[in-house]
N, C-alpha and C. Protein backbone atom coordinates (compact mmCIF):
# COMPACT_ATOMS: atom_id res chain seq x y z
N UNK A 1 -14.15 -4.57 21.38
CA UNK A 1 -15.59 -4.40 21.41
C UNK A 1 -16.18 -5.09 20.18
N UNK A 2 -17.16 -5.89 20.38
CA UNK A 2 -17.83 -6.59 19.30
C UNK A 2 -19.21 -5.99 19.09
N UNK A 3 -19.50 -5.68 17.82
CA UNK A 3 -20.81 -5.12 17.51
C UNK A 3 -21.75 -6.26 17.11
N UNK A 4 -22.95 -6.16 17.58
CA UNK A 4 -23.97 -7.14 17.24
C UNK A 4 -24.68 -6.70 15.96
N UNK A 5 -25.36 -7.62 15.34
CA UNK A 5 -26.08 -7.33 14.10
C UNK A 5 -27.09 -6.20 14.31
N UNK A 6 -27.76 -6.17 15.45
CA UNK A 6 -28.74 -5.12 15.73
C UNK A 6 -28.07 -3.75 15.81
N UNK A 7 -26.85 -3.72 16.38
CA UNK A 7 -26.11 -2.46 16.46
C UNK A 7 -25.78 -1.93 15.07
N UNK A 8 -25.35 -2.80 14.18
CA UNK A 8 -25.03 -2.41 12.81
C UNK A 8 -26.28 -1.92 12.10
N UNK A 9 -27.39 -2.61 12.27
CA UNK A 9 -28.65 -2.20 11.65
C UNK A 9 -29.07 -0.83 12.15
N UNK A 10 -28.87 -0.57 13.45
CA UNK A 10 -29.21 0.74 14.02
C UNK A 10 -28.33 1.82 13.41
N UNK A 11 -27.03 1.55 13.27
CA UNK A 11 -26.12 2.52 12.66
C UNK A 11 -26.53 2.81 11.22
N UNK A 12 -26.88 1.77 10.48
CA UNK A 12 -27.30 1.96 9.09
C UNK A 12 -28.59 2.76 9.02
N UNK A 13 -29.55 2.49 9.90
CA UNK A 13 -30.80 3.24 9.93
C UNK A 13 -30.53 4.71 10.25
N UNK A 14 -29.64 4.97 11.22
CA UNK A 14 -29.29 6.34 11.57
C UNK A 14 -28.64 7.05 10.39
N UNK A 15 -27.78 6.36 9.66
CA UNK A 15 -27.11 6.95 8.50
C UNK A 15 -28.11 7.30 7.41
N UNK A 16 -29.06 6.41 7.19
CA UNK A 16 -30.08 6.66 6.16
C UNK A 16 -30.94 7.86 6.55
N UNK A 17 -31.33 7.95 7.81
CA UNK A 17 -32.15 9.08 8.27
C UNK A 17 -31.37 10.38 8.18
N UNK A 18 -30.09 10.37 8.54
CA UNK A 18 -29.28 11.58 8.47
C UNK A 18 -29.11 12.01 7.02
N UNK A 19 -28.91 11.06 6.13
CA UNK A 19 -28.74 11.38 4.71
C UNK A 19 -30.03 11.96 4.12
N UNK A 20 -31.17 11.45 4.57
CA UNK A 20 -32.45 11.93 4.06
C UNK A 20 -32.73 13.36 4.52
N UNK A 21 -32.12 13.76 5.63
CA UNK A 21 -32.37 15.08 6.19
C UNK A 21 -31.62 16.18 5.44
N UNK A 22 -30.63 15.84 4.65
CA UNK A 22 -29.87 16.86 3.94
C UNK A 22 -29.91 16.56 2.43
N UNK A 23 -29.63 17.56 1.62
CA UNK A 23 -29.69 17.36 0.17
C UNK A 23 -28.66 16.33 -0.29
N UNK A 24 -29.02 15.56 -1.32
CA UNK A 24 -28.11 14.57 -1.88
C UNK A 24 -27.04 15.26 -2.72
N UNK A 25 -25.82 14.76 -2.60
CA UNK A 25 -24.71 15.23 -3.43
C UNK A 25 -24.20 14.07 -4.24
N UNK A 26 -23.65 14.37 -5.38
CA UNK A 26 -23.00 13.38 -6.21
C UNK A 26 -21.50 13.62 -6.14
N UNK A 27 -20.76 12.55 -5.93
CA UNK A 27 -19.31 12.65 -5.77
C UNK A 27 -18.60 12.08 -6.99
N UNK A 28 -17.57 12.76 -7.44
CA UNK A 28 -16.73 12.24 -8.52
C UNK A 28 -15.66 11.34 -7.91
N UNK A 29 -14.99 10.58 -8.76
CA UNK A 29 -14.02 9.58 -8.31
C UNK A 29 -12.93 10.14 -7.38
N UNK A 30 -12.29 11.27 -7.69
CA UNK A 30 -11.24 11.75 -6.77
C UNK A 30 -11.74 11.99 -5.34
N UNK A 31 -12.97 12.50 -5.21
CA UNK A 31 -13.54 12.73 -3.88
C UNK A 31 -13.84 11.41 -3.17
N UNK A 32 -14.37 10.43 -3.91
CA UNK A 32 -14.64 9.11 -3.34
C UNK A 32 -13.33 8.48 -2.87
N UNK A 33 -12.29 8.55 -3.70
CA UNK A 33 -10.99 7.99 -3.33
C UNK A 33 -10.46 8.64 -2.05
N UNK A 34 -10.61 9.94 -1.96
CA UNK A 34 -10.14 10.67 -0.77
C UNK A 34 -10.90 10.25 0.48
N UNK A 35 -12.21 10.13 0.36
CA UNK A 35 -13.04 9.80 1.53
C UNK A 35 -12.83 8.38 2.04
N UNK A 36 -12.65 7.43 1.13
CA UNK A 36 -12.57 6.03 1.57
C UNK A 36 -11.14 5.51 1.66
N UNK A 37 -10.18 6.24 1.12
CA UNK A 37 -8.78 5.82 1.22
C UNK A 37 -8.43 4.65 0.32
N UNK A 38 -9.16 4.49 -0.77
CA UNK A 38 -8.88 3.43 -1.73
C UNK A 38 -8.50 4.03 -3.07
N UNK A 39 -7.72 3.28 -3.83
CA UNK A 39 -7.36 3.69 -5.17
C UNK A 39 -8.48 3.33 -6.14
N UNK A 40 -8.41 3.90 -7.33
CA UNK A 40 -9.42 3.67 -8.37
C UNK A 40 -9.63 2.19 -8.64
N UNK A 41 -8.55 1.45 -8.81
CA UNK A 41 -8.68 0.04 -9.17
C UNK A 41 -9.39 -0.76 -8.08
N UNK A 42 -9.11 -0.44 -6.81
CA UNK A 42 -9.77 -1.15 -5.70
C UNK A 42 -11.26 -0.81 -5.66
N UNK A 43 -11.59 0.45 -5.88
CA UNK A 43 -13.00 0.86 -5.86
C UNK A 43 -13.78 0.10 -6.94
N UNK A 44 -13.25 0.08 -8.16
CA UNK A 44 -13.95 -0.60 -9.24
C UNK A 44 -13.98 -2.12 -9.05
N UNK A 45 -12.91 -2.68 -8.49
CA UNK A 45 -12.91 -4.12 -8.21
C UNK A 45 -13.97 -4.46 -7.17
N UNK A 46 -14.00 -3.69 -6.07
CA UNK A 46 -14.97 -3.94 -5.01
C UNK A 46 -16.40 -3.72 -5.51
N UNK A 47 -16.60 -2.73 -6.40
CA UNK A 47 -17.93 -2.52 -6.99
C UNK A 47 -18.37 -3.76 -7.76
N UNK A 48 -17.45 -4.33 -8.55
CA UNK A 48 -17.81 -5.51 -9.35
C UNK A 48 -18.10 -6.72 -8.48
N UNK A 49 -17.52 -6.75 -7.27
CA UNK A 49 -17.75 -7.84 -6.32
C UNK A 49 -18.96 -7.57 -5.43
N UNK A 50 -19.57 -6.39 -5.55
CA UNK A 50 -20.72 -6.05 -4.72
C UNK A 50 -20.33 -5.59 -3.31
N UNK A 51 -19.07 -5.23 -3.12
CA UNK A 51 -18.58 -4.82 -1.81
C UNK A 51 -18.49 -3.31 -1.64
N UNK A 52 -18.86 -2.55 -2.66
CA UNK A 52 -18.79 -1.09 -2.62
C UNK A 52 -19.98 -0.55 -3.41
N UNK A 53 -20.50 0.62 -3.03
CA UNK A 53 -21.66 1.18 -3.76
C UNK A 53 -21.38 1.34 -5.25
N UNK A 54 -22.39 1.10 -6.04
CA UNK A 54 -22.27 1.24 -7.49
C UNK A 54 -22.25 2.71 -7.89
N UNK A 55 -21.49 3.00 -8.93
CA UNK A 55 -21.47 4.36 -9.47
C UNK A 55 -22.66 4.53 -10.41
N UNK A 56 -22.97 5.79 -10.69
CA UNK A 56 -24.02 6.12 -11.66
C UNK A 56 -23.33 6.82 -12.83
N UNK A 57 -23.82 6.62 -14.00
CA UNK A 57 -23.24 7.25 -15.18
C UNK A 57 -24.04 8.50 -15.54
N UNK A 58 -23.35 9.62 -15.66
CA UNK A 58 -23.99 10.86 -16.10
C UNK A 58 -23.69 11.13 -17.57
N UNK A 59 -22.87 10.30 -18.14
CA UNK A 59 -22.48 10.45 -19.54
C UNK A 59 -21.42 9.42 -19.87
N UNK A 60 -20.90 9.45 -21.09
CA UNK A 60 -19.93 8.42 -21.49
C UNK A 60 -18.65 8.39 -20.65
N UNK A 61 -18.25 9.53 -20.12
CA UNK A 61 -17.01 9.58 -19.34
C UNK A 61 -17.20 10.28 -18.00
N UNK A 62 -18.37 10.12 -17.42
CA UNK A 62 -18.66 10.79 -16.15
C UNK A 62 -19.38 9.84 -15.20
N UNK A 63 -18.63 9.32 -14.25
CA UNK A 63 -19.20 8.44 -13.23
C UNK A 63 -19.28 9.20 -11.91
N UNK A 64 -20.38 9.00 -11.18
CA UNK A 64 -20.56 9.64 -9.88
C UNK A 64 -21.11 8.63 -8.89
N UNK A 65 -20.92 8.92 -7.62
CA UNK A 65 -21.46 8.10 -6.54
C UNK A 65 -22.36 8.98 -5.70
N UNK A 66 -23.43 8.41 -5.16
CA UNK A 66 -24.32 9.14 -4.27
C UNK A 66 -23.63 9.23 -2.90
N UNK A 67 -23.47 10.44 -2.41
CA UNK A 67 -22.72 10.69 -1.18
C UNK A 67 -23.25 9.86 -0.01
N UNK A 68 -24.57 9.79 0.15
CA UNK A 68 -25.13 9.06 1.28
C UNK A 68 -24.80 7.57 1.22
N UNK A 69 -24.72 7.00 0.02
CA UNK A 69 -24.37 5.59 -0.12
C UNK A 69 -22.91 5.34 0.27
N UNK A 70 -22.03 6.27 -0.09
CA UNK A 70 -20.62 6.15 0.29
C UNK A 70 -20.47 6.31 1.80
N UNK A 71 -21.17 7.27 2.38
CA UNK A 71 -21.12 7.47 3.83
C UNK A 71 -21.65 6.26 4.58
N UNK A 72 -22.73 5.68 4.09
CA UNK A 72 -23.29 4.48 4.73
C UNK A 72 -22.29 3.33 4.67
N UNK A 73 -21.61 3.19 3.53
CA UNK A 73 -20.59 2.15 3.38
C UNK A 73 -19.46 2.36 4.39
N UNK A 74 -19.02 3.60 4.55
CA UNK A 74 -17.96 3.93 5.52
C UNK A 74 -18.40 3.54 6.94
N UNK A 75 -19.64 3.89 7.31
CA UNK A 75 -20.16 3.54 8.64
C UNK A 75 -20.22 2.03 8.83
N UNK A 76 -20.62 1.31 7.81
CA UNK A 76 -20.71 -0.14 7.90
C UNK A 76 -19.34 -0.76 8.08
N UNK A 77 -18.36 -0.29 7.32
CA UNK A 77 -17.00 -0.82 7.41
C UNK A 77 -16.39 -0.52 8.77
N UNK A 78 -16.54 0.71 9.24
CA UNK A 78 -15.94 1.08 10.52
C UNK A 78 -16.65 0.43 11.70
N UNK A 79 -17.91 0.06 11.54
CA UNK A 79 -18.65 -0.61 12.63
C UNK A 79 -18.05 -1.97 12.94
N UNK A 80 -17.49 -2.64 11.94
CA UNK A 80 -16.94 -3.97 12.14
C UNK A 80 -15.50 -3.95 12.61
N UNK A 81 -14.85 -2.79 12.61
CA UNK A 81 -13.45 -2.69 13.01
C UNK A 81 -13.27 -2.62 14.52
N UNK A 82 -14.28 -2.16 15.25
CA UNK A 82 -14.18 -1.94 16.68
C UNK A 82 -13.93 -3.19 17.39
């Protein structure tokens, strides 16, 4: 099955609307690794390449990701696998 660009845009719009309907959560690195199935080094490499959502800094040693951005990334990646 091949997804068209419009199908991907619709999936992304649906993900954004669903995320807006519930409270935002911030995820720490272990949770992000668990959800996406990537190791720390891959996550940071892909972030630097613009292929993964950017983390936010809450302090000198505290990085978090916005849950809705990670979920949207997962939907985008899985949309192209079909």
